């Protein structure tokens, strides 16, 4: 028995594009399964959602926007952390007496 790979999440734009390609005949279901390593059941679920209109461009855009917002929040946290570290380093350097010129520290 083989072990399953790690849990993967596929973005809405990816699902939408794959469903559009399958419905347009650009790629077959089996080819999609093999090339993207996705189960037939999952592809069928996505196609059902696509046919019902549950996979839309608006959802894809909302998904991308949510991903961007999460990335921005993570970067803002990192900037805050680095700013605090820089302020601490400046404060620490400001407490040291200056070394005379010509003398190694």
PDB file of N, CA and C in Angstrom:
ATOM      1  N   UNK A   1       0.845  -1.184   0.000  1.00  0.00           N
ATOM      2  CA  UNK A   1       0.000   0.000   0.000  1.00  0.00           C
ATOM      3  C   UNK A   1       0.885   1.240   0.000  1.00  0.00           C
ATOM      4  N   UNK A   2       0.583   2.167  -0.853  1.00  0.00           N
ATOM      5  CA  UNK A   2       1.389   3.387  -0.912  1.00  0.00           C
ATOM      6  C   UNK A   2       0.779   4.449  -0.025  1.00  0.00           C
ATOM      7  N   UNK A   3       1.620   5.269   0.531  1.00  0.00           N
ATOM      8  CA  UNK A   3       1.107   6.349   1.381  1.00  0.00           C
ATOM      9  C   UNK A   3       0.700   7.525   0.516  1.00  0.00           C
ATOM     10  N   UNK A   4      -0.296   8.247   0.995  1.00  0.00           N
ATOM     11  CA  UNK A   4      -0.752   9.433   0.273  1.00  0.00           C
ATOM     12  C   UNK A   4       0.271  10.536   0.430  1.00  0.00           C
ATOM     13  N   UNK A   5       0.310  11.390  -0.531  1.00  0.00           N
ATOM     14  CA  UNK A   5       1.192  12.548  -0.451  1.00  0.00           C
ATOM     15  C   UNK A   5       0.614  13.573   0.502  1.00  0.00           C
ATOM     16  N   UNK A   6       1.304  14.676   0.645  1.00  0.00           N
ATOM     17  CA  UNK A   6       0.803  15.721   1.543  1.00  0.00           C
ATOM     18  C   UNK A   6      -0.502  16.318   1.007  1.00  0.00           C
ATOM     19  N   UNK A   7      -1.308  16.799   1.921  1.00  0.00           N
ATOM     20  CA  UNK A   7      -2.579  17.434   1.559  1.00  0.00           C
ATOM     21  C   UNK A   7      -2.288  18.674   0.725  1.00  0.00           C
ATOM     22  N   UNK A   8      -2.952  18.762  -0.415  1.00  0.00           N
ATOM     23  CA  UNK A   8      -2.741  19.913  -1.294  1.00  0.00           C
ATOM     24  C   UNK A   8      -4.034  20.671  -1.470  1.00  0.00           C
ATOM     25  N   UNK A   9      -3.912  21.971  -1.554  1.00  0.00           N
ATOM     26  CA  UNK A   9      -5.055  22.818  -1.870  1.00  0.00           C
ATOM     27  C   UNK A   9      -4.799  23.410  -3.244  1.00  0.00           C
ATOM     28  N   UNK A  10      -5.810  23.387  -4.069  1.00  0.00           N
ATOM     29  CA  UNK A  10      -5.688  23.963  -5.399  1.00  0.00           C
ATOM     30  C   UNK A  10      -6.458  25.276  -5.422  1.00  0.00           C
ATOM     31  N   UNK A  11      -5.877  26.268  -6.021  1.00  0.00           N
ATOM     32  CA  UNK A  11      -6.511  27.585  -6.069  1.00  0.00           C
ATOM     33  C   UNK A  11      -7.722  27.554  -6.995  1.00  0.00           C
ATOM     34  N   UNK A  12      -8.631  28.452  -6.737  1.00  0.00           N
ATOM     35  CA  UNK A  12      -9.828  28.551  -7.576  1.00  0.00           C
ATOM     36  C   UNK A  12      -9.469  28.870  -9.028  1.00  0.00           C
ATOM     37  N   UNK A  13      -8.501  29.777  -9.285  1.00  0.00           N
ATOM     38  CA  UNK A  13      -8.138  30.009 -10.692  1.00  0.00           C
ATOM     39  C   UNK A  13      -7.632  28.741 -11.390  1.00  0.00           C
ATOM     40  N   UNK A  14      -6.869  27.900 -10.659  1.00  0.00           N
ATOM     41  CA  UNK A  14      -6.382  26.649 -11.238  1.00  0.00           C
ATOM     42  C   UNK A  14      -7.554  25.736 -11.582  1.00  0.00           C
ATOM     43  N   UNK A  15      -8.487  25.564 -10.642  1.00  0.00           N
ATOM     44  CA  UNK A  15      -9.657  24.709 -10.873  1.00  0.00           C
ATOM     45  C   UNK A  15     -10.475  25.213 -12.055  1.00  0.00           C
ATOM     46  N   UNK A  16     -10.682  26.521 -12.080  1.00  0.00           N
ATOM     47  CA  UNK A  16     -11.470  27.133 -13.151  1.00  0.00           C
ATOM     48  C   UNK A  16     -10.820  26.898 -14.513  1.00  0.00           C
ATOM     49  N   UNK A  17      -9.519  27.115 -14.595  1.00  0.00           N
ATOM     50  CA  UNK A  17      -8.802  26.935 -15.864  1.00  0.00           C
ATOM     51  C   UNK A  17      -8.839  25.474 -16.305  1.00  0.00           C
ATOM     52  N   UNK A  18      -8.623  24.563 -15.361  1.00  0.00           N
ATOM     53  CA  UNK A  18      -8.627  23.141 -15.696  1.00  0.00           C
ATOM     54  C   UNK A  18     -10.008  22.716 -16.202  1.00  0.00           C
ATOM     55  N   UNK A  19     -11.058  23.147 -15.527  1.00  0.00           N
ATOM     56  CA  UNK A  19     -12.422  22.806 -15.957  1.00  0.00           C
ATOM     57  C   UNK A  19     -12.732  23.395 -17.327  1.00  0.00           C
ATOM     58  N   UNK A  20     -12.314  24.628 -17.552  1.00  0.00           N
ATOM     59  CA  UNK A  20     -12.542  25.252 -18.857  1.00  0.00           C
ATOM     60  C   UNK A  20     -11.806  24.473 -19.947  1.00  0.00           C
ATOM     61  N   UNK A  21     -10.577  24.057 -19.673  1.00  0.00           N
ATOM     62  CA  UNK A  21      -9.795  23.292 -20.655  1.00  0.00           C
ATOM     63  C   UNK A  21     -10.433  21.935 -20.938  1.00  0.00           C
ATOM     64  N   UNK A  22     -10.945  21.277 -19.900  1.00  0.00           N
ATOM     65  CA  UNK A  22     -11.585  19.973 -20.094  1.00  0.00           C
ATOM     66  C   UNK A  22     -12.870  20.136 -20.899  1.00  0.00           C
ATOM     67  N   UNK A  23     -13.693  21.104 -20.529  1.00  0.00           N
ATOM     68  CA  UNK A  23     -14.959  21.314 -21.229  1.00  0.00           C
ATOM     69  C   UNK A  23     -14.744  21.768 -22.677  1.00  0.00           C
ATOM     70  N   UNK A  24     -13.649  22.475 -22.929  1.00  0.00           N
ATOM     71  CA  UNK A  24     -13.364  22.935 -24.293  1.00  0.00           C
ATOM     72  C   UNK A  24     -12.681  21.852 -25.127  1.00  0.00           C
ATOM     73  N   UNK A  25     -12.324  20.739 -24.496  1.00  0.00           N
ATOM     74  CA  UNK A  25     -11.678  19.651 -25.225  1.00  0.00           C
ATOM     75  C   UNK A  25     -10.186  19.846 -25.410  1.00  0.00           C
ATOM     76  N   UNK A  26      -9.610  20.812 -24.741  1.00  0.00           N
ATOM     77  CA  UNK A  26      -8.170  21.068 -24.852  1.00  0.00           C
ATOM     78  C   UNK A  26      -7.378  19.950 -24.193  1.00  0.00           C
ATOM     79  N   UNK A  27      -7.912  19.442 -23.095  1.00  0.00           N
ATOM     80  CA  UNK A  27      -7.266  18.356 -22.364  1.00  0.00           C
ATOM     81  C   UNK A  27      -8.350  17.388 -21.912  1.00  0.00           C
ATOM     82  N   UNK A  28      -8.034  16.112 -21.915  1.00  0.00           N
ATOM     83  CA  UNK A  28      -8.984  15.111 -21.446  1.00  0.00           C
ATOM     84  C   UNK A  28      -8.875  14.934 -19.946  1.00  0.00           C
ATOM     85  N   UNK A  29      -9.897  14.299 -19.384  1.00  0.00           N
ATOM     86  CA  UNK A  29      -9.892  14.083 -17.939  1.00  0.00           C
ATOM     87  C   UNK A  29      -8.701  13.236 -17.502  1.00  0.00           C
ATOM     88  N   UNK A  30      -8.432  12.165 -18.235  1.00  0.00           N
ATOM     89  CA  UNK A  30      -7.316  11.292 -17.851  1.00  0.00           C
ATOM     90  C   UNK A  30      -5.979  12.009 -17.971  1.00  0.00           C
ATOM     91  N   UNK A  31      -5.843  12.815 -19.013  1.00  0.00           N
ATOM     92  CA  UNK A  31      -4.605  13.591 -19.156  1.00  0.00           C
ATOM     93  C   UNK A  31      -4.450  14.572 -17.997  1.00  0.00           C
ATOM     94  N   UNK A  32      -5.550  15.183 -17.601  1.00  0.00           N
ATOM     95  CA  UNK A  32      -5.513  16.116 -16.467  1.00  0.00           C
ATOM     96  C   UNK A  32      -5.132  15.379 -15.189  1.00  0.00           C
ATOM     97  N   UNK A  33      -5.696  14.167 -15.007  1.00  0.00           N
ATOM     98  CA  UNK A  33      -5.361  13.363 -13.834  1.00  0.00           C
ATOM     99  C   UNK A  33      -3.865  13.078 -13.785  1.00  0.00           C
ATOM    100  N   UNK A  34      -3.338  12.638 -14.897  1.00  0.00           N
ATOM    101  CA  UNK A  34      -1.919  12.256 -14.941  1.00  0.00           C
ATOM    102  C   UNK A  34      -0.994  13.460 -14.816  1.00  0.00           C
ATOM    103  N   UNK A  35      -1.280  14.500 -15.565  1.00  0.00           N
ATOM    104  CA  UNK A  35      -0.348  15.633 -15.601  1.00  0.00           C
ATOM    105  C   UNK A  35      -0.342  16.423 -14.295  1.00  0.00           C
ATOM    106  N   UNK A  36      -1.463  16.442 -13.586  1.00  0.00           N
ATOM    107  CA  UNK A  36      -1.541  17.223 -12.342  1.00  0.00           C
ATOM    108  C   UNK A  36      -1.616  16.341 -11.091  1.00  0.00           C
ATOM    109  N   UNK A  37      -1.606  15.008 -11.301  1.00  0.00           N
ATOM    110  CA  UNK A  37      -1.673  14.056 -10.192  1.00  0.00           C
ATOM    111  C   UNK A  37      -2.888  14.328  -9.305  1.00  0.00           C
ATOM    112  N   UNK A  38      -4.055  14.360  -9.959  1.00  0.00           N
ATOM    113  CA  UNK A  38      -5.322  14.644  -9.281  1.00  0.00           C
ATOM    114  C   UNK A  38      -6.248  13.451  -9.509  1.00  0.00           C
ATOM    115  N   UNK A  39      -7.005  13.088  -8.495  1.00  0.00           N
ATOM    116  CA  UNK A  39      -7.908  11.944  -8.613  1.00  0.00           C
ATOM    117  C   UNK A  39      -9.083  12.265  -9.541  1.00  0.00           C
ATOM    118  N   UNK A  40      -9.634  11.202 -10.119  1.00  0.00           N
ATOM    119  CA  UNK A  40     -10.787  11.349 -11.007  1.00  0.00           C
ATOM    120  C   UNK A  40     -11.985  11.908 -10.243  1.00  0.00           C
ATOM    121  N   UNK A  41     -12.139  11.495  -8.993  1.00  0.00           N
ATOM    122  CA  UNK A  41     -13.265  11.984  -8.190  1.00  0.00           C
ATOM    123  C   UNK A  41     -13.168  13.479  -7.952  1.00  0.00           C
ATOM    124  N   UNK A  42     -11.965  13.956  -7.693  1.00  0.00           N
ATOM    125  CA  UNK A  42     -11.788  15.389  -7.451  1.00  0.00           C
ATOM    126  C   UNK A  42     -12.073  16.191  -8.718  1.00  0.00           C
ATOM    127  N   UNK A  43     -11.603  15.694  -9.838  1.00  0.00           N
ATOM    128  CA  UNK A  43     -11.880  16.385 -11.109  1.00  0.00           C
ATOM    129  C   UNK A  43     -13.381  16.408 -11.374  1.00  0.00           C
ATOM    130  N   UNK A  44     -14.056  15.292 -11.114  1.00  0.00           N
ATOM    131  CA  UNK A  44     -15.508  15.242 -11.302  1.00  0.00           C
ATOM    132  C   UNK A  44     -16.217  16.241 -10.389  1.00  0.00           C
ATOM    133  N   UNK A  45     -15.767  16.354  -9.150  1.00  0.00           N
ATOM    134  CA  UNK A  45     -16.350  17.319  -8.218  1.00  0.00           C
ATOM    135  C   UNK A  45     -16.187  18.736  -8.757  1.00  0.00           C
ATOM    136  N   UNK A  46     -14.987  19.052  -9.219  1.00  0.00           N
ATOM    137  CA  UNK A  46     -14.741  20.391  -9.763  1.00  0.00           C
ATOM    138  C   UNK A  46     -15.597  20.663 -10.995  1.00  0.00           C
ATOM    139  N   UNK A  47     -15.723  19.649 -11.871  1.00  0.00           N
ATOM    140  CA  UNK A  47     -16.536  19.830 -13.082  1.00  0.00           C
ATOM    141  C   UNK A  47     -18.007  20.050 -12.717  1.00  0.00           C
ATOM    142  N   UNK A  48     -18.487  19.353 -11.712  1.00  0.00           N
ATOM    143  CA  UNK A  48     -19.864  19.552 -11.249  1.00  0.00           C
ATOM    144  C   UNK A  48     -20.040  20.974 -10.723  1.00  0.00           C
ATOM    145  N   UNK A  49     -19.093  21.426  -9.918  1.00  0.00           N
ATOM    146  CA  UNK A  49     -19.151  22.801  -9.411  1.00  0.00           C
ATOM    147  C   UNK A  49     -19.082  23.797 -10.561  1.00  0.00           C
ATOM    148  N   UNK A  50     -18.225  23.521 -11.532  1.00  0.00           N
ATOM    149  CA  UNK A  50     -18.073  24.400 -12.693  1.00  0.00           C
ATOM    150  C   UNK A  50     -19.380  24.483 -13.480  1.00  0.00           C
ATOM    151  N   UNK A  51     -19.995  23.328 -13.706  1.00  0.00           N
ATOM    152  CA  UNK A  51     -21.249  23.291 -14.473  1.00  0.00           C
ATOM    153  C   UNK A  51     -22.387  24.007 -13.738  1.00  0.00           C
ATOM    154  N   UNK A  52     -22.382  23.972 -12.436  1.00  0.00           N
ATOM    155  CA  UNK A  52     -23.402  24.663 -11.639  1.00  0.00           C
ATOM    156  C   UNK A  52     -23.125  26.159 -11.523  1.00  0.00           C
ATOM    157  N   UNK A  53     -21.945  26.586 -11.952  1.00  0.00           N
ATOM    158  CA  UNK A  53     -21.582  27.992 -11.840  1.00  0.00           C
ATOM    159  C   UNK A  53     -20.973  28.346 -10.498  1.00  0.00           C
ATOM    160  N   UNK A  54     -20.566  27.320  -9.751  1.00  0.00           N
ATOM    161  CA  UNK A  54     -19.977  27.567  -8.442  1.00  0.00           C
ATOM    162  C   UNK A  54     -18.493  27.946  -8.525  1.00  0.00           C
ATOM    163  N   UNK A  55     -17.869  27.636  -9.638  1.00  0.00           N
ATOM    164  CA  UNK A  55     -16.487  28.080  -9.873  1.00  0.00           C
ATOM    165  C   UNK A  55     -16.563  29.229 -10.873  1.00  0.00           C
ATOM    166  N   UNK A  56     -16.475  30.436 -10.363  1.00  0.00           N
ATOM    167  CA  UNK A  56     -16.598  31.596 -11.247  1.00  0.00           C
ATOM    168  C   UNK A  56     -15.342  32.438 -11.197  1.00  0.00           C
ATOM    169  N   UNK A  57     -15.231  33.328 -12.129  1.00  0.00           N
ATOM    170  CA  UNK A  57     -14.115  34.261 -12.150  1.00  0.00           C
ATOM    171  C   UNK A  57     -14.096  35.138 -10.918  1.00  0.00           C
ATOM    172  N   UNK A  58     -15.302  35.482 -10.410  1.00  0.00           N
ATOM    173  CA  UNK A  58     -15.386  36.307  -9.210  1.00  0.00           C
ATOM    174  C   UNK A  58     -14.792  35.568  -8.014  1.00  0.00           C
ATOM    175  N   UNK A  59     -15.093  34.261  -7.907  1.00  0.00           N
ATOM    176  CA  UNK A  59     -14.526  33.467  -6.825  1.00  0.00           C
ATOM    177  C   UNK A  59     -13.018  33.364  -6.979  1.00  0.00           C
ATOM    178  N   UNK A  60     -12.583  33.231  -8.222  1.00  0.00           N
ATOM    179  CA  UNK A  60     -11.148  33.143  -8.483  1.00  0.00           C
ATOM    180  C   UNK A  60     -10.466  34.439  -8.062  1.00  0.00           C
ATOM    181  N   UNK A  61     -11.073  35.564  -8.427  1.00  0.00           N
ATOM    182  CA  UNK A  61     -10.507  36.860  -8.043  1.00  0.00           C
ATOM    183  C   UNK A  61     -10.516  37.026  -6.528  1.00  0.00           C
ATOM    184  N   UNK A  62     -11.597  36.610  -5.885  1.00  0.00           N
ATOM    185  CA  UNK A  62     -11.683  36.713  -4.429  1.00  0.00           C
ATOM    186  C   UNK A  62     -10.625  35.853  -3.760  1.00  0.00           C
ATOM    187  N   UNK A  63     -10.375  34.683  -4.327  1.00  0.00           N
ATOM    188  CA  UNK A  63      -9.353  33.789  -3.783  1.00  0.00           C
ATOM    189  C   UNK A  63      -7.969  34.414  -3.906  1.00  0.00           C
ATOM    190  N   UNK A  64      -7.684  34.992  -5.063  1.00  0.00           N
ATOM    191  CA  UNK A  64      -6.391  35.637  -5.283  1.00  0.00           C
ATOM    192  C   UNK A  64      -6.236  36.837  -4.348  1.00  0.00           C
ATOM    193  N   UNK A  65      -7.291  37.614  -4.207  1.00  0.00           N
ATOM    194  CA  UNK A  65      -7.243  38.783  -3.318  1.00  0.00           C
ATOM    195  C   UNK A  65      -6.999  38.347  -1.879  1.00  0.00           C
ATOM    196  N   UNK A  66      -7.668  37.276  -1.444  1.00  0.00           N
ATOM    197  CA  UNK A  66      -7.471  36.778  -0.081  1.00  0.00           C
ATOM    198  C   UNK A  66      -6.027  36.316   0.122  1.00  0.00           C
ATOM    199  N   UNK A  67      -5.469  35.653  -0.884  1.00  0.00           N
ATOM    200  CA  UNK A  67      -4.071  35.215  -0.787  1.00  0.00           C
ATOM    201  C   UNK A  67      -3.142  36.427  -0.700  1.00  0.00           C
ATOM    202  N   UNK A  68      -3.399  37.442  -1.499  1.00  0.00           N
ATOM    203  CA  UNK A  68      -2.575  38.652  -1.465  1.00  0.00           C
ATOM    204  C   UNK A  68      -2.684  39.356  -0.115  1.00  0.00           C
ATOM    205  N   UNK A  69      -3.904  39.434   0.417  1.00  0.00           N
ATOM    206  CA  UNK A  69      -4.095  40.095   1.705  1.00  0.00           C
ATOM    207  C   UNK A  69      -3.352  39.358   2.816  1.00  0.00           C
ATOM    208  N   UNK A  70      -3.375  38.027   2.764  1.00  0.00           N
ATOM    209  CA  UNK A  70      -2.642  37.245   3.773  1.00  0.00           C
ATOM    210  C   UNK A  70      -1.146  37.485   3.640  1.00  0.00           C
ATOM    211  N   UNK A  71      -0.658  37.554   2.423  1.00  0.00           N
ATOM    212  CA  UNK A  71       0.777  37.793   2.188  1.00  0.00           C
ATOM    213  C   UNK A  71       1.164  39.199   2.657  1.00  0.00           C
ATOM    214  N   UNK A  72       0.318  40.182   2.382  1.00  0.00           N
ATOM    215  CA  UNK A  72       0.587  41.561   2.817  1.00  0.00           C
ATOM    216  C   UNK A  72       0.634  41.618   4.339  1.00  0.00           C
ATOM    217  N   UNK A  73      -0.300  40.956   5.008  1.00  0.00           N
ATOM    218  CA  UNK A  73      -0.317  40.957   6.473  1.00  0.00           C
ATOM    219  C   UNK A  73       0.959  40.332   7.028  1.00  0.00           C
ATOM    220  N   UNK A  74       1.411  39.236   6.411  1.00  0.00           N
ATOM    221  CA  UNK A  74       2.648  38.588   6.865  1.00  0.00           C
ATOM    222  C   UNK A  74       3.849  39.514   6.659  1.00  0.00           C
ATOM    223  N   UNK A  75       3.882  40.201   5.534  1.00  0.00           N
ATOM    224  CA  UNK A  75       4.985  41.131   5.269  1.00  0.00           C
ATOM    225  C   UNK A  75       4.951  42.326   6.213  1.00  0.00           C
ATOM    226  N   UNK A  76       3.749  42.802   6.531  1.00  0.00           N
ATOM    227  CA  UNK A  76       3.638  43.921   7.483  1.00  0.00           C
ATOM    228  C   UNK A  76       4.139  43.506   8.864  1.00  0.00           C
ATOM    229  N   UNK A  77       3.817  42.278   9.265  1.00  0.00           N
ATOM    230  CA  UNK A  77       4.328  41.786  10.555  1.00  0.00           C
ATOM    231  C   UNK A  77       5.849  41.715  10.533  1.00  0.00           C
ATOM    232  N   UNK A  78       6.407  41.253   9.430  1.00  0.00           N
ATOM    233  CA  UNK A  78       7.866  41.141   9.309  1.00  0.00           C
ATOM    234  C   UNK A  78       8.510  42.521   9.339  1.00  0.00           C
ATOM    235  N   UNK A  79       7.932  43.491   8.661  1.00  0.00           N
ATOM    236  CA  UNK A  79       8.460  44.855   8.670  1.00  0.00           C
ATOM    237  C   UNK A  79       8.428  45.408  10.094  1.00  0.00           C
ATOM    238  N   UNK A  80       7.346  45.171  10.825  1.00  0.00           N
ATOM    239  CA  UNK A  80       7.248  45.627  12.206  1.00  0.00           C
ATOM    240  C   UNK A  80       8.331  45.001  13.080  1.00  0.00           C
ATOM    241  N   UNK A  81       8.547  43.714  12.900  1.00  0.00           N
ATOM    242  CA  UNK A  81       9.572  43.009  13.671  1.00  0.00           C
ATOM    243  C   UNK A  81      10.961  43.566  13.348  1.00  0.00           C
ATOM    244  N   UNK A  82      11.257  43.737  12.079  1.00  0.00           N
ATOM    245  CA  UNK A  82      12.571  44.255  11.682  1.00  0.00           C
ATOM    246  C   UNK A  82      12.773  45.698  12.149  1.00  0.00           C
ATOM    247  N   UNK A  83      11.706  46.490  12.145  1.00  0.00           N
ATOM    248  CA  UNK A  83      11.789  47.868  12.629  1.00  0.00           C
ATOM    249  C   UNK A  83      12.136  47.887  14.112  1.00  0.00           C
ATOM    250  N   UNK A  84      11.484  47.017  14.882  1.00  0.00           N
ATOM    251  CA  UNK A  84      11.785  46.947  16.310  1.00  0.00           C
ATOM    252  C   UNK A  84      13.227  46.498  16.542  1.00  0.00           C
ATOM    253  N   UNK A  85      13.686  45.519  15.773  1.00  0.00           N
ATOM    254  CA  UNK A  85      15.070  45.054  15.916  1.00  0.00           C
ATOM    255  C   UNK A  85      16.059  46.157  15.556  1.00  0.00           C
ATOM    256  N   UNK A  86      15.752  46.917  14.514  1.00  0.00           N
ATOM    257  CA  UNK A  86      16.625  48.010  14.101  1.00  0.00           C
ATOM    258  C   UNK A  86      16.659  49.106  15.165  1.00  0.00           C
ATOM    259  N   UNK A  87      15.507  49.450  15.710  1.00  0.00           N
ATOM    260  CA  UNK A  87      15.463  50.453  16.784  1.00  0.00           C
ATOM    261  C   UNK A  87      16.266  49.990  17.998  1.00  0.00           C
ATOM    262  N   UNK A  88      16.150  48.722  18.349  1.00  0.00           N
ATOM    263  CA  UNK A  88      16.906  48.171  19.469  1.00  0.00           C
ATOM    264  C   UNK A  88      18.407  48.222  19.181  1.00  0.00           C
ATOM    265  N   UNK A  89      18.796  47.883  17.969  1.00  0.00           N
ATOM    266  CA  UNK A  89      20.210  47.919  17.602  1.00  0.00           C
ATOM    267  C   UNK A  89      20.750  49.356  17.634  1.00  0.00           C
ATOM    268  N   UNK A  90      19.947  50.299  17.146  1.00  0.00           N
ATOM    269  CA  UNK A  90      20.369  51.704  17.183  1.00  0.00           C
ATOM    270  C   UNK A  90      20.525  52.173  18.623  1.00  0.00           C
ATOM    271  N   UNK A  91      19.594  51.785  19.474  1.00  0.00           N
ATOM    272  CA  UNK A  91      19.644  52.176  20.874  1.00  0.00           C
ATOM    273  C   UNK A  91      20.883  51.565  21.536  1.00  0.00           C
ATOM    274  N   UNK A  92      21.167  50.319  21.206  1.00  0.00           N
ATOM    275  CA  UNK A  92      22.325  49.633  21.780  1.00  0.00           C
ATOM    276  C   UNK A  92      23.622  50.289  21.314  1.00  0.00           C
ATOM    277  N   UNK A  93      23.684  50.663  20.050  1.00  0.00           N
ATOM    278  CA  UNK A  93      24.886  51.319  19.524  1.00  0.00           C
ATOM    279  C   UNK A  93      25.034  52.720  20.101  1.00  0.00           C
ATOM    280  N   UNK A  94      23.932  53.390  20.386  1.00  0.00           N
ATOM    281  CA  UNK A  94      23.976  54.741  20.935  1.00  0.00           C
ATOM    282  C   UNK A  94      24.495  54.761  22.359  1.00  0.00           C
ATOM    283  N   UNK A  95      24.445  53.647  23.086  1.00  0.00           N
ATOM    284  CA  UNK A  95      24.902  53.588  24.478  1.00  0.00           C
ATOM    285  C   UNK A  95      26.402  53.363  24.588  1.00  0.00           C
ATOM    286  N   UNK A  96      27.034  52.903  23.537  1.00  0.00           N
ATOM    287  CA  UNK A  96      28.467  52.631  23.571  1.00  0.00           C
ATOM    288  C   UNK A  96      29.258  53.925  23.499  1.00  0.00           C
ATOM    289  N   UNK A  97      30.340  53.995  24.267  1.00  0.00           N
ATOM    290  CA  UNK A  97      31.202  55.173  24.115  1.00  0.00           C
ATOM    291  C   UNK A  97      31.930  55.091  22.777  1.00  0.00           C
ATOM    292  N   UNK A  98      32.123  56.225  22.126  1.00  0.00           N
ATOM    293  CA  UNK A  98      32.810  56.188  20.829  1.00  0.00           C
ATOM    294  C   UNK A  98      34.252  55.746  21.016  1.00  0.00           C
ATOM    295  N   UNK A  99      34.746  54.962  20.046  1.00  0.00           N
ATOM    296  CA  UNK A  99      36.143  54.517  20.100  1.00  0.00           C
ATOM    297  C   UNK A  99      37.015  55.608  19.476  1.00  0.00           C
ATOM    298  N   UNK A 100      38.150  55.872  20.077  1.00  0.00           N
ATOM    299  CA  UNK A 100      39.037  56.887  19.514  1.00  0.00           C
ATOM    300  C   UNK A 100      39.544  56.460  18.139  1.00  0.00           C
ATOM    301  N   UNK A 101      39.786  57.431  17.293  1.00  0.00           N
ATOM    302  CA  UNK A 101      40.270  57.152  15.957  1.00  0.00           C
ATOM    303  C   UNK A 101      41.646  56.516  16.037  1.00  0.00           C
ATOM    304  N   UNK A 102      41.896  55.518  15.224  1.00  0.00           N
ATOM    305  CA  UNK A 102      43.193  54.880  15.188  1.00  0.00           C
ATOM    306  C   UNK A 102      43.312  53.701  16.128  1.00  0.00           C
ATOM    307  N   UNK A 103      42.391  53.526  17.045  1.00  0.00           N
ATOM    308  CA  UNK A 103      42.428  52.398  17.977  1.00  0.00           C
ATOM    309  C   UNK A 103      41.384  51.361  17.549  1.00  0.00           C
ATOM    310  N   UNK A 104      41.811  50.131  17.435  1.00  0.00           N
ATOM    311  CA  UNK A 104      40.823  49.083  17.085  1.00  0.00           C
ATOM    312  C   UNK A 104      39.856  48.860  18.231  1.00  0.00           C
ATOM    313  N   UNK A 105      38.663  48.497  17.925  1.00  0.00           N
ATOM    314  CA  UNK A 105      37.674  48.286  18.988  1.00  0.00           C
ATOM    315  C   UNK A 105      37.717  46.889  19.539  1.00  0.00           C
TER     316      UNK A 105
END
